[in-house]
Amino acid sequence: MSTTAVFYHAGCPVCVSAEETIARSLDPNQFAVESVHLGEDRSRVGEAEAAGVQSVPALVIDGNVFHINHGADLSALK
């Protein structure tokens, strides 16, 4: 059984790099990774905010938020 990992991003160069190096490095046998581009799907900004995401790129696994570098504040995507 795999755990869902949600990678929130805004498509910026920092986000793309984080997705390529971190999100895609997770073992697919252990993690089902969903990539959410908040710049294109603003309807999910509230979901990210409720999960504790403050800036993107961020990876959420089992309720734990891992902020990766700093591409954009979540408030900028509202």
PDB file of N, CA and C in Angstrom:
ATOM      1  N   MET A   1       0.838  -1.178   0.000  1.00  0.00           N
ATOM      2  CA  MET A   1       0.000   0.000   0.000  1.00  0.00           C
ATOM      3  C   MET A   1       0.886   1.244   0.000  1.00  0.00           C
ATOM      4  N   SER A   2       0.587   2.177  -0.877  1.00  0.00           N
ATOM      5  CA  SER A   2       1.415   3.379  -0.968  1.00  0.00           C
ATOM      6  C   SER A   2       0.751   4.554  -0.256  1.00  0.00           C
ATOM      7  N   THR A   3       1.580   5.473   0.149  1.00  0.00           N
ATOM      8  CA  THR A   3       1.156   6.701   0.800  1.00  0.00           C
ATOM      9  C   THR A   3       1.085   7.796  -0.250  1.00  0.00           C
ATOM     10  N   THR A   4       0.059   8.629  -0.174  1.00  0.00           N
ATOM     11  CA  THR A   4      -0.040   9.741  -1.116  1.00  0.00           C
ATOM     12  C   THR A   4       0.841  10.883  -0.650  1.00  0.00           C
ATOM     13  N   ALA A   5       1.628  11.402  -1.566  1.00  0.00           N
ATOM     14  CA  ALA A   5       2.461  12.578  -1.333  1.00  0.00           C
ATOM     15  C   ALA A   5       1.983  13.629  -2.325  1.00  0.00           C
ATOM     16  N   VAL A   6       1.655  14.819  -1.822  1.00  0.00           N
ATOM     17  CA  VAL A   6       1.169  15.876  -2.703  1.00  0.00           C
ATOM     18  C   VAL A   6       2.246  16.947  -2.809  1.00  0.00           C
ATOM     19  N   PHE A   7       2.676  17.196  -4.043  1.00  0.00           N
ATOM     20  CA  PHE A   7       3.687  18.206  -4.315  1.00  0.00           C
ATOM     21  C   PHE A   7       2.974  19.421  -4.869  1.00  0.00           C
ATOM     22  N   TYR A   8       2.954  20.506  -4.075  1.00  0.00           N
ATOM     23  CA  TYR A   8       2.329  21.754  -4.497  1.00  0.00           C
ATOM     24  C   TYR A   8       3.401  22.665  -5.079  1.00  0.00           C
ATOM     25  N   HIS A   9       3.088  23.295  -6.205  1.00  0.00           N
ATOM     26  CA  HIS A   9       4.055  24.189  -6.836  1.00  0.00           C
ATOM     27  C   HIS A   9       3.341  25.239  -7.672  1.00  0.00           C
ATOM     28  N   ALA A  10       4.138  26.193  -8.185  1.00  0.00           N
ATOM     29  CA  ALA A  10       3.575  27.268  -9.001  1.00  0.00           C
ATOM     30  C   ALA A  10       4.186  27.313 -10.394  1.00  0.00           C
ATOM     31  N   GLY A  11       4.994  26.328 -10.720  1.00  0.00           N
ATOM     32  CA  GLY A  11       5.582  26.270 -12.054  1.00  0.00           C
ATOM     33  C   GLY A  11       6.830  27.108 -12.233  1.00  0.00           C
ATOM     34  N   CYS A  12       7.284  27.762 -11.179  1.00  0.00           N
ATOM     35  CA  CYS A  12       8.485  28.600 -11.274  1.00  0.00           C
ATOM     36  C   CYS A  12       9.732  27.712 -11.392  1.00  0.00           C
ATOM     37  N   PRO A  13      10.872  28.267 -11.786  1.00  0.00           N
ATOM     38  CA  PRO A  13      12.085  27.458 -11.928  1.00  0.00           C
ATOM     39  C   PRO A  13      12.472  26.705 -10.654  1.00  0.00           C
ATOM     40  N   VAL A  14      12.301  27.327  -9.487  1.00  0.00           N
ATOM     41  CA  VAL A  14      12.608  26.651  -8.222  1.00  0.00           C
ATOM     42  C   VAL A  14      11.691  25.445  -8.052  1.00  0.00           C
ATOM     43  N   CYS A  15      10.414  25.621  -8.384  1.00  0.00           N
ATOM     44  CA  CYS A  15       9.428  24.548  -8.250  1.00  0.00           C
ATOM     45  C   CYS A  15       9.717  23.395  -9.213  1.00  0.00           C
ATOM     46  N   VAL A  16      10.027  23.717 -10.439  1.00  0.00           N
ATOM     47  CA  VAL A  16      10.312  22.699 -11.446  1.00  0.00           C
ATOM     48  C   VAL A  16      11.535  21.885 -11.032  1.00  0.00           C
ATOM     49  N   SER A  17      12.561  22.563 -10.557  1.00  0.00           N
ATOM     50  CA  SER A  17      13.765  21.879 -10.102  1.00  0.00           C
ATOM     51  C   SER A  17      13.465  20.955  -8.913  1.00  0.00           C
ATOM     52  N   ALA A  18      12.660  21.447  -7.968  1.00  0.00           N
ATOM     53  CA  ALA A  18      12.292  20.635  -6.807  1.00  0.00           C
ATOM     54  C   ALA A  18      11.482  19.415  -7.227  1.00  0.00           C
ATOM     55  N   GLU A  19      10.584  19.602  -8.178  1.00  0.00           N
ATOM     56  CA  GLU A  19       9.783  18.464  -8.642  1.00  0.00           C
ATOM     57  C   GLU A  19      10.677  17.424  -9.299  1.00  0.00           C
ATOM     58  N   GLU A  20      11.599  17.864 -10.134  1.00  0.00           N
ATOM     59  CA  GLU A  20      12.485  16.932 -10.834  1.00  0.00           C
ATOM     60  C   GLU A  20      13.431  16.207  -9.893  1.00  0.00           C
ATOM     61  N   THR A  21      13.924  16.888  -8.862  1.00  0.00           N
ATOM     62  CA  THR A  21      14.928  16.266  -8.005  1.00  0.00           C
ATOM     63  C   THR A  21      14.367  15.619  -6.750  1.00  0.00           C
ATOM     64  N   ILE A  22      13.261  16.128  -6.221  1.00  0.00           N
ATOM     65  CA  ILE A  22      12.755  15.589  -4.960  1.00  0.00           C
ATOM     66  C   ILE A  22      11.490  14.756  -5.158  1.00  0.00           C
ATOM     67  N   ALA A  23      10.457  15.362  -5.702  1.00  0.00           N
ATOM     68  CA  ALA A  23       9.186  14.650  -5.833  1.00  0.00           C
ATOM     69  C   ALA A  23       9.321  13.401  -6.694  1.00  0.00           C
ATOM     70  N   ARG A  24      10.075  13.488  -7.753  1.00  0.00           N
ATOM     71  CA  ARG A  24      10.229  12.335  -8.650  1.00  0.00           C
ATOM     72  C   ARG A  24      11.220  11.303  -8.112  1.00  0.00           C
ATOM     73  N   SER A  25      11.916  11.641  -7.020  1.00  0.00           N
ATOM     74  CA  SER A  25      12.877  10.712  -6.416  1.00  0.00           C
ATOM     75  C   SER A  25      12.219   9.769  -5.415  1.00  0.00           C
ATOM     76  N   LEU A  26      10.985  10.048  -5.053  1.00  0.00           N
ATOM     77  CA  LEU A  26      10.302   9.179  -4.099  1.00  0.00           C
ATOM     78  C   LEU A  26      10.025   7.812  -4.725  1.00  0.00           C
ATOM     79  N   ASP A  27      10.194   6.792  -3.945  1.00  0.00           N
ATOM     80  CA  ASP A  27       9.984   5.421  -4.402  1.00  0.00           C
ATOM     81  C   ASP A  27       8.510   5.223  -4.782  1.00  0.00           C
ATOM     82  N   PRO A  28       8.224   4.943  -6.055  1.00  0.00           N
ATOM     83  CA  PRO A  28       6.827   4.787  -6.482  1.00  0.00           C
ATOM     84  C   PRO A  28       6.132   3.586  -5.840  1.00  0.00           C
ATOM     85  N   ASN A  29       6.887   2.658  -5.277  1.00  0.00           N
ATOM     86  CA  ASN A  29       6.284   1.533  -4.568  1.00  0.00           C
ATOM     87  C   ASN A  29       5.787   1.948  -3.188  1.00  0.00           C
ATOM     88  N   GLN A  30       6.290   3.077  -2.688  1.00  0.00           N
ATOM     89  CA  GLN A  30       5.895   3.546  -1.363  1.00  0.00           C
ATOM     90  C   GLN A  30       5.031   4.801  -1.398  1.00  0.00           C
ATOM     91  N   PHE A  31       5.171   5.606  -2.468  1.00  0.00           N
ATOM     92  CA  PHE A  31       4.473   6.879  -2.541  1.00  0.00           C
ATOM     93  C   PHE A  31       3.785   7.073  -3.885  1.00  0.00           C
ATOM     94  N   ALA A  32       2.512   7.452  -3.810  1.00  0.00           N
ATOM     95  CA  ALA A  32       1.781   7.883  -5.001  1.00  0.00           C
ATOM     96  C   ALA A  32       1.881   9.402  -4.991  1.00  0.00           C
ATOM     97  N   VAL A  33       2.682   9.971  -5.895  1.00  0.00           N
ATOM     98  CA  VAL A  33       2.926  11.409  -5.901  1.00  0.00           C
ATOM     99  C   VAL A  33       1.923  12.112  -6.816  1.00  0.00           C
ATOM    100  N   GLU A  34       1.232  13.088  -6.245  1.00  0.00           N
ATOM    101  CA  GLU A  34       0.335  13.938  -7.024  1.00  0.00           C
ATOM    102  C   GLU A  34       0.978  15.315  -7.101  1.00  0.00           C
ATOM    103  N   SER A  35       1.132  15.819  -8.286  1.00  0.00           N
ATOM    104  CA  SER A  35       1.705  17.140  -8.498  1.00  0.00           C
ATOM    105  C   SER A  35       0.577  18.132  -8.773  1.00  0.00           C
ATOM    106  N   VAL A  36       0.514  19.195  -7.960  1.00  0.00           N
ATOM    107  CA  VAL A  36      -0.560  20.189  -8.084  1.00  0.00           C
ATOM    108  C   VAL A  36       0.057  21.541  -8.426  1.00  0.00           C
ATOM    109  N   HIS A  37      -0.231  22.027  -9.626  1.00  0.00           N
ATOM    110  CA  HIS A  37       0.255  23.332 -10.088  1.00  0.00           C
ATOM    111  C   HIS A  37      -0.775  24.368  -9.653  1.00  0.00           C
ATOM    112  N   LEU A  38      -0.481  25.075  -8.563  1.00  0.00           N
ATOM    113  CA  LEU A  38      -1.443  26.019  -8.010  1.00  0.00           C
ATOM    114  C   LEU A  38      -1.652  27.245  -8.880  1.00  0.00           C
ATOM    115  N   GLY A  39      -0.717  27.533  -9.760  1.00  0.00           N
ATOM    116  CA  GLY A  39      -0.901  28.642 -10.686  1.00  0.00           C
ATOM    117  C   GLY A  39      -1.958  28.336 -11.727  1.00  0.00           C
ATOM    118  N   GLU A  40      -2.111  27.061 -12.057  1.00  0.00           N
ATOM    119  CA  GLU A  40      -3.102  26.636 -13.043  1.00  0.00           C
ATOM    120  C   GLU A  40      -4.395  26.161 -12.394  1.00  0.00           C
ATOM    121  N   ASP A  41      -4.319  25.699 -11.145  1.00  0.00           N
ATOM    122  CA  ASP A  41      -5.495  25.177 -10.450  1.00  0.00           C
ATOM    123  C   ASP A  41      -5.656  25.908  -9.122  1.00  0.00           C
ATOM    124  N   ARG A  42      -6.060  27.176  -9.218  1.00  0.00           N
ATOM    125  CA  ARG A  42      -6.192  28.022  -8.029  1.00  0.00           C
ATOM    126  C   ARG A  42      -7.261  27.504  -7.061  1.00  0.00           C
ATOM    127  N   SER A  43      -8.146  26.646  -7.534  1.00  0.00           N
ATOM    128  CA  SER A  43      -9.196  26.107  -6.663  1.00  0.00           C
ATOM    129  C   SER A  43      -8.613  25.241  -5.554  1.00  0.00           C
ATOM    130  N   ARG A  44      -7.351  24.839  -5.685  1.00  0.00           N
ATOM    131  CA  ARG A  44      -6.734  23.975  -4.670  1.00  0.00           C
ATOM    132  C   ARG A  44      -5.830  24.737  -3.704  1.00  0.00           C
ATOM    133  N   VAL A  45      -5.764  26.076  -3.846  1.00  0.00           N
ATOM    134  CA  VAL A  45      -4.947  26.883  -2.935  1.00  0.00           C
ATOM    135  C   VAL A  45      -5.446  26.714  -1.499  1.00  0.00           C
ATOM    136  N   GLY A  46      -6.753  26.728  -1.292  1.00  0.00           N
ATOM    137  CA  GLY A  46      -7.325  26.548   0.041  1.00  0.00           C
ATOM    138  C   GLY A  46      -6.958  25.210   0.647  1.00  0.00           C
ATOM    139  N   GLU A  47      -6.939  24.186  -0.185  1.00  0.00           N
ATOM    140  CA  GLU A  47      -6.536  22.843   0.258  1.00  0.00           C
ATOM    141  C   GLU A  47      -5.090  22.849   0.739  1.00  0.00           C
ATOM    142  N   ALA A  48      -4.224  23.487  -0.043  1.00  0.00           N
ATOM    143  CA  ALA A  48      -2.807  23.572   0.327  1.00  0.00           C
ATOM    144  C   ALA A  48      -2.647  24.350   1.621  1.00  0.00           C
ATOM    145  N   GLU A  49      -3.374  25.442   1.740  1.00  0.00           N
ATOM    146  CA  GLU A  49      -3.324  26.278   2.937  1.00  0.00           C
ATOM    147  C   GLU A  49      -3.792  25.484   4.162  1.00  0.00           C
ATOM    148  N   ALA A  50      -4.875  24.733   4.017  1.00  0.00           N
ATOM    149  CA  ALA A  50      -5.400  23.918   5.113  1.00  0.00           C
ATOM    150  C   ALA A  50      -4.415  22.829   5.534  1.00  0.00           C
ATOM    151  N   ALA A  51      -3.600  22.370   4.580  1.00  0.00           N
ATOM    152  CA  ALA A  51      -2.586  21.348   4.884  1.00  0.00           C
ATOM    153  C   ALA A  51      -1.374  21.940   5.596  1.00  0.00           C
ATOM    154  N   GLY A  52      -1.291  23.291   5.638  1.00  0.00           N
ATOM    155  CA  GLY A  52      -0.172  23.936   6.313  1.00  0.00           C
ATOM    156  C   GLY A  52       0.889  24.499   5.392  1.00  0.00           C
ATOM    157  N   VAL A  53       0.627  24.445   4.090  1.00  0.00           N
ATOM    158  CA  VAL A  53       1.592  24.973   3.129  1.00  0.00           C
ATOM    159  C   VAL A  53       1.594  26.501   3.230  1.00  0.00           C
ATOM    160  N   GLN A  54       2.786  27.082   3.362  1.00  0.00           N
ATOM    161  CA  GLN A  54       2.922  28.538   3.447  1.00  0.00           C
ATOM    162  C   GLN A  54       3.602  29.114   2.210  1.00  0.00           C
ATOM    163  N   SER A  55       4.407  28.283   1.560  1.00  0.00           N
ATOM    164  CA  SER A  55       5.086  28.701   0.336  1.00  0.00           C
ATOM    165  C   SER A  55       5.299  27.471  -0.530  1.00  0.00           C
ATOM    166  N   VAL A  56       5.515  27.724  -1.809  1.00  0.00           N
ATOM    167  CA  VAL A  56       5.780  26.621  -2.733  1.00  0.00           C
ATOM    168  C   VAL A  56       7.184  26.788  -3.301  1.00  0.00           C
ATOM    169  N   PRO A  57       7.830  25.698  -3.631  1.00  0.00           N
ATOM    170  CA  PRO A  57       7.355  24.329  -3.638  1.00  0.00           C
ATOM    171  C   PRO A  57       7.274  23.734  -2.227  1.00  0.00           C
ATOM    172  N   ALA A  58       6.315  22.837  -2.060  1.00  0.00           N
ATOM    173  CA  ALA A  58       6.140  22.143  -0.793  1.00  0.00           C
ATOM    174  C   ALA A  58       5.620  20.738  -1.074  1.00  0.00           C
ATOM    175  N   LEU A  59       6.052  19.818  -0.236  1.00  0.00           N
ATOM    176  CA  LEU A  59       5.639  18.424  -0.344  1.00  0.00           C
ATOM    177  C   LEU A  59       4.911  18.065   0.940  1.00  0.00           C
ATOM    178  N   VAL A  60       3.703  17.500   0.821  1.00  0.00           N
ATOM    179  CA  VAL A  60       2.921  17.105   1.985  1.00  0.00           C
ATOM    180  C   VAL A  60       2.793  15.582   1.982  1.00  0.00           C
ATOM    181  N   ILE A  61       3.284  14.990   3.071  1.00  0.00           N
ATOM    182  CA  ILE A  61       3.220  13.535   3.237  1.00  0.00           C
ATOM    183  C   ILE A  61       2.677  13.247   4.631  1.00  0.00           C
ATOM    184  N   ASP A  62       1.585  12.504   4.697  1.00  0.00           N
ATOM    185  CA  ASP A  62       0.978  12.132   5.978  1.00  0.00           C
ATOM    186  C   ASP A  62       0.772  13.324   6.905  1.00  0.00           C
ATOM    187  N   GLY A  63       0.316  14.435   6.367  1.00  0.00           N
ATOM    188  CA  GLY A  63       0.045  15.603   7.174  1.00  0.00           C
ATOM    189  C   GLY A  63       1.263  16.434   7.534  1.00  0.00           C
ATOM    190  N   ASN A  64       2.433  15.994   7.123  1.00  0.00           N
ATOM    191  CA  ASN A  64       3.666  16.736   7.370  1.00  0.00           C
ATOM    192  C   ASN A  64       4.010  17.559   6.143  1.00  0.00           C
ATOM    193  N   VAL A  65       4.270  18.853   6.349  1.00  0.00           N
ATOM    194  CA  VAL A  65       4.603  19.750   5.248  1.00  0.00           C
ATOM    195  C   VAL A  65       6.105  19.956   5.212  1.00  0.00           C
ATOM    196  N   PHE A  66       6.675  19.738   4.041  1.00  0.00           N
ATOM    197  CA  PHE A  66       8.097  19.957   3.829  1.00  0.00           C
ATOM    198  C   PHE A  66       8.241  21.086   2.820  1.00  0.00           C
ATOM    199  N   HIS A  67       8.605  22.264   3.330  1.00  0.00           N
ATOM    200  CA  HIS A  67       8.819  23.412   2.447  1.00  0.00           C
ATOM    201  C   HIS A  67      10.205  23.278   1.834  1.00  0.00           C
ATOM    202  N   ILE A  68      10.275  23.382   0.529  1.00  0.00           N
ATOM    203  CA  ILE A  68      11.515  23.162  -0.214  1.00  0.00           C
ATOM    204  C   ILE A  68      11.943  24.491  -0.820  1.00  0.00           C
ATOM    205  N   ASN A  69      13.074  25.014  -0.354  1.00  0.00           N
ATOM    206  CA  ASN A  69      13.563  26.293  -0.857  1.00  0.00           C
ATOM    207  C   ASN A  69      12.451  27.328  -0.696  1.00  0.00           C
ATOM    208  N   HIS A  70      12.391  28.323  -1.543  1.00  0.00           N
ATOM    209  CA  HIS A  70      11.303  29.301  -1.460  1.00  0.00           C
ATOM    210  C   HIS A  70      11.082  29.886  -2.848  1.00  0.00           C
ATOM    211  N   GLY A  71      10.012  29.441  -3.487  1.00  0.00           N
ATOM    212  CA  GLY A  71       9.694  29.941  -4.805  1.00  0.00           C
ATOM    213  C   GLY A  71       8.688  31.074  -4.763  1.00  0.00           C
ATOM    214  N   ALA A  72       7.587  30.874  -4.008  1.00  0.00           N
ATOM    215  CA  ALA A  72       6.534  31.887  -3.904  1.00  0.00           C
ATOM    216  C   ALA A  72       5.719  31.654  -2.657  1.00  0.00           C
ATOM    217  N   ASP A  73       5.294  32.745  -2.028  1.00  0.00           N
ATOM    218  CA  ASP A  73       4.374  32.637  -0.900  1.00  0.00           C
ATOM    219  C   ASP A  73       3.019  32.181  -1.412  1.00  0.00           C
ATOM    220  N   LEU A  74       2.346  31.368  -0.624  1.00  0.00           N
ATOM    221  CA  LEU A  74       1.022  30.882  -1.009  1.00  0.00           C
ATOM    222  C   LEU A  74       0.059  32.052  -1.219  1.00  0.00           C
ATOM    223  N   SER A  75       0.220  33.111  -0.447  1.00  0.00           N
ATOM    224  CA  SER A  75      -0.665  34.272  -0.573  1.00  0.00           C
ATOM    225  C   SER A  75      -0.595  34.908  -1.960  1.00  0.00           C
ATOM    226  N   ALA A  76       0.521  34.770  -2.634  1.00  0.00           N
ATOM    227  CA  ALA A  76       0.696  35.340  -3.985  1.00  0.00           C
ATOM    228  C   ALA A  76      -0.119  34.574  -5.036  1.00  0.00           C
ATOM    229  N   LEU A  77      -0.573  33.381  -4.688  1.00  0.00           N
ATOM    230  CA  LEU A  77      -1.307  32.557  -5.641  1.00  0.00           C
ATOM    231  C   LEU A  77      -2.821  32.696  -5.495  1.00  0.00           C
ATOM    232  N   LYS A  78      -3.252  33.455  -4.516  1.00  0.00           N
ATOM    233  CA  LYS A  78      -4.705  33.632  -4.295  1.00  0.00           C
ATOM    234  C   LYS A  78      -5.281  34.603  -5.293  1.00  0.00           C
TER     235      LYS A  78
END
